[in-house]
């Protein structure tokens, strides 16, 4: 499986940041034509990609708050903490899946969305490393999000190929 560190995933994520705080933006409703189905930890959602034959199965396997880095990994900004979500991705389509997590955010109890940030290894496991997911392959790992102290992470939003899926944390 071809792998690249999480920064490859962040290319699509950073374009969605606003100036309403460090990477935070209000959570909009689902766009017209996009289904928003809330599920929970342990649940799986199938999403289609932007290209013909792209289909990805995403399972939210776990959640930690706070997420703690090991060794000399980067640290959250002052006034923030990291939360982590463990995902399992499986390419169930007929073609390789490119940048499977185009846009992924943690939603806090104030309705603000926080994009994934770079992290090293966590005490709970390794970061999710994937750029292209070949047919029949899967990838597992953690995505990390920077959330302000005083707010509680309540959901995960993932938009892939124009489809939005949400999980409760």
Protein backbone atom coordinates (compact mmCIF):
# COMPACT_ATOMS: atom_id res chain seq x y z
CA UNK A 1 0.00 0.00 0.00
CA UNK A 2 1.35 3.45 -0.86
CA UNK A 3 1.64 5.57 2.26
CA UNK A 4 2.50 9.15 2.99
CA UNK A 5 2.37 10.86 6.39
CA UNK A 6 -0.75 12.70 7.47
CA UNK A 7 0.42 16.03 5.92
CA UNK A 8 -0.75 14.67 2.56
CA UNK A 9 -4.26 14.42 4.03
CA UNK A 10 -4.02 17.92 5.42
CA UNK A 11 -3.70 19.51 1.98
CA UNK A 12 -7.47 19.31 1.51
CA UNK A 13 -8.13 20.10 5.15
CA UNK A 14 -6.22 23.36 5.52
CA UNK A 15 -8.14 25.06 2.71
CA UNK A 16 -11.27 24.78 4.84
CA UNK A 17 -10.00 26.76 7.84
CA UNK A 18 -11.48 30.11 8.78
CA UNK A 19 -10.29 32.99 10.93
CA UNK A 20 -12.77 32.27 13.72
CA UNK A 21 -10.02 30.81 15.92
CA UNK A 22 -7.16 28.40 15.34
CA UNK A 23 -8.66 26.33 12.52
CA UNK A 24 -12.20 26.53 13.88
CA UNK A 25 -15.29 27.39 11.89
CA UNK A 26 -19.02 27.12 12.52
CA UNK A 27 -20.48 23.78 11.55
CA UNK A 28 -22.85 24.33 8.62
CA UNK A 29 -25.76 22.06 7.90
CA UNK A 30 -25.33 19.39 5.29
CA UNK A 31 -25.24 20.82 1.80
CA UNK A 32 -28.10 20.19 -0.57
CA UNK A 33 -27.78 16.74 -2.06
CA UNK A 34 -25.39 15.48 0.63
CA UNK A 35 -26.71 13.03 3.19
CA UNK A 36 -25.70 13.56 6.81
CA UNK A 37 -26.20 10.40 8.86
CA UNK A 38 -25.09 10.47 12.50
CA UNK A 39 -23.62 7.25 13.82
CA UNK A 40 -21.43 6.43 16.82
CA UNK A 41 -18.14 4.85 17.79
CA UNK A 42 -17.86 1.40 16.26
CA UNK A 43 -20.18 2.25 13.38
CA UNK A 44 -19.30 2.10 9.69
CA UNK A 45 -20.34 4.32 6.80
CA UNK A 46 -19.81 3.70 3.09
CA UNK A 47 -19.04 6.76 1.00
CA UNK A 48 -18.52 7.29 -2.70
CA UNK A 49 -15.69 9.31 -4.14
CA UNK A 50 -15.56 12.05 -6.71
CA UNK A 51 -14.54 9.63 -9.49
CA UNK A 52 -16.39 6.66 -10.98
CA UNK A 53 -15.65 3.45 -9.05
CA UNK A 54 -14.42 5.11 -5.85
CA UNK A 55 -16.05 3.65 -2.75
CA UNK A 56 -14.66 3.79 0.75
CA UNK A 57 -15.82 2.09 3.94
CA UNK A 58 -14.99 4.23 7.00
CA UNK A 59 -15.27 2.90 10.57
CA UNK A 60 -14.84 5.08 13.65
CA UNK A 61 -13.00 2.69 15.97
CA UNK A 62 -12.14 4.90 18.92
CA UNK A 63 -11.91 8.32 20.52
CA UNK A 64 -9.54 9.74 23.15
CA UNK A 65 -9.69 13.10 24.93
CA UNK A 66 -7.04 14.20 25.52
CA UNK A 67 -4.75 12.57 22.97
CA UNK A 68 -1.19 12.45 24.28
CA UNK A 69 1.90 12.50 22.05
CA UNK A 70 4.93 10.33 22.77
CA UNK A 71 8.55 11.42 22.57
CA UNK A 72 9.47 14.60 20.72
CA UNK A 73 6.20 14.89 18.77
CA UNK A 74 4.66 18.36 18.27
CA UNK A 75 2.36 19.69 20.99
CA UNK A 76 -0.99 21.53 20.89
CA UNK A 77 -1.10 25.32 20.88
CA UNK A 78 -1.40 27.14 24.19
CA UNK A 79 -5.00 27.02 25.43
CA UNK A 80 -5.78 23.91 23.36
CA UNK A 81 -5.62 20.16 23.74
CA UNK A 82 -5.55 17.33 21.27
CA UNK A 83 -8.35 14.84 20.80
CA UNK A 84 -7.89 11.76 18.65
CA UNK A 85 -10.15 9.56 16.58
CA UNK A 86 -9.14 6.12 15.40
CA UNK A 87 -10.34 5.28 11.91
CA UNK A 88 -10.31 2.18 9.77
CA UNK A 89 -10.56 2.74 6.01
CA UNK A 90 -11.25 0.05 3.43
CA UNK A 91 -11.35 0.54 -0.34
CA UNK A 92 -14.42 -1.42 -1.42
CA UNK A 93 -14.63 0.16 -4.87
CA UNK A 94 -13.33 -0.71 -8.31
CA UNK A 95 -10.51 1.83 -8.48
CA UNK A 96 -7.77 3.22 -6.24
CA UNK A 97 -9.06 5.83 -3.82
CA UNK A 98 -7.14 9.13 -3.88
CA UNK A 99 -6.80 11.24 -0.69
CA UNK A 100 -9.55 9.32 1.12
CA UNK A 101 -10.11 11.88 3.86
CA UNK A 102 -10.45 15.04 1.85
CA UNK A 103 -12.05 17.00 4.68
CA UNK A 104 -12.36 15.77 8.27
CA UNK A 105 -13.24 17.79 11.37
CA UNK A 106 -14.08 17.28 15.03
CA UNK A 107 -17.16 19.25 16.05
CA UNK A 108 -17.30 20.71 19.55
CA UNK A 109 -20.29 21.37 21.82
CA UNK A 110 -20.35 24.99 20.58
CA UNK A 111 -20.89 23.88 16.98
CA UNK A 112 -17.37 24.79 15.85
CA UNK A 113 -15.40 22.48 13.56
CA UNK A 114 -11.70 21.82 14.11
CA UNK A 115 -9.58 20.32 11.28
CA UNK A 116 -7.02 17.56 11.70
CA UNK A 117 -3.51 18.63 12.68
CA UNK A 118 -0.10 17.02 12.30
CA UNK A 119 0.95 14.77 15.11
CA UNK A 120 3.49 12.15 15.77
CA UNK A 121 2.86 8.86 17.49
CA UNK A 122 0.30 8.96 20.27
CA UNK A 123 0.19 6.90 23.45
CA UNK A 124 -2.85 5.21 21.87
CA UNK A 125 -1.16 4.37 18.55
CA UNK A 126 0.19 5.58 15.24
CA UNK A 127 -1.21 8.35 13.01
CA UNK A 128 -3.29 7.42 9.99
CA UNK A 129 -0.92 7.26 7.02
CA UNK A 130 -2.53 7.08 3.61
CA UNK A 131 -2.68 9.05 0.39
CA UNK A 132 -3.78 6.45 -2.14
CA UNK A 133 -5.68 3.37 -1.08
CA UNK A 134 -5.56 0.57 -3.68
CA UNK A 135 -8.61 -1.61 -4.37
CA UNK A 136 -9.16 -4.14 -1.59
CA UNK A 137 -6.62 -2.53 0.77
CA UNK A 138 -7.28 -0.99 4.17
CA UNK A 139 -5.55 1.50 6.47
CA UNK A 140 -5.93 2.06 10.20
CA UNK A 141 -4.69 4.85 12.45
CA UNK A 142 -5.39 7.99 14.44
CA UNK A 143 -6.26 11.50 13.28
CA UNK A 144 -5.62 14.30 15.77
CA UNK A 145 -7.59 17.52 16.20
CA UNK A 146 -6.76 20.61 18.25
CA UNK A 147 -9.70 21.67 20.44
CA UNK A 148 -9.76 24.61 22.90
CA UNK A 149 -9.90 23.90 26.62
CA UNK A 150 -13.42 24.55 27.86
CA UNK A 151 -15.12 22.94 24.87
CA UNK A 152 -16.08 19.30 24.49
CA UNK A 153 -15.65 17.27 21.29
CA UNK A 154 -19.06 15.79 20.44
CA UNK A 155 -18.81 14.67 16.82
CA UNK A 156 -16.69 13.80 13.80
CA UNK A 157 -17.58 15.07 10.33
CA UNK A 158 -16.03 13.55 7.23
CA UNK A 159 -16.73 14.81 3.71
CA UNK A 160 -15.57 12.53 0.90
CA UNK A 161 -16.46 13.04 -2.76
CA UNK A 162 -19.29 15.43 -1.88
CA UNK A 163 -20.84 13.07 0.67
CA UNK A 164 -20.85 14.04 4.34
CA UNK A 165 -20.90 11.49 7.13
CA UNK A 166 -21.05 12.24 10.84
CA UNK A 167 -20.32 10.22 13.95
CA UNK A 168 -21.17 11.03 17.60
CA UNK A 169 -18.24 10.93 19.99
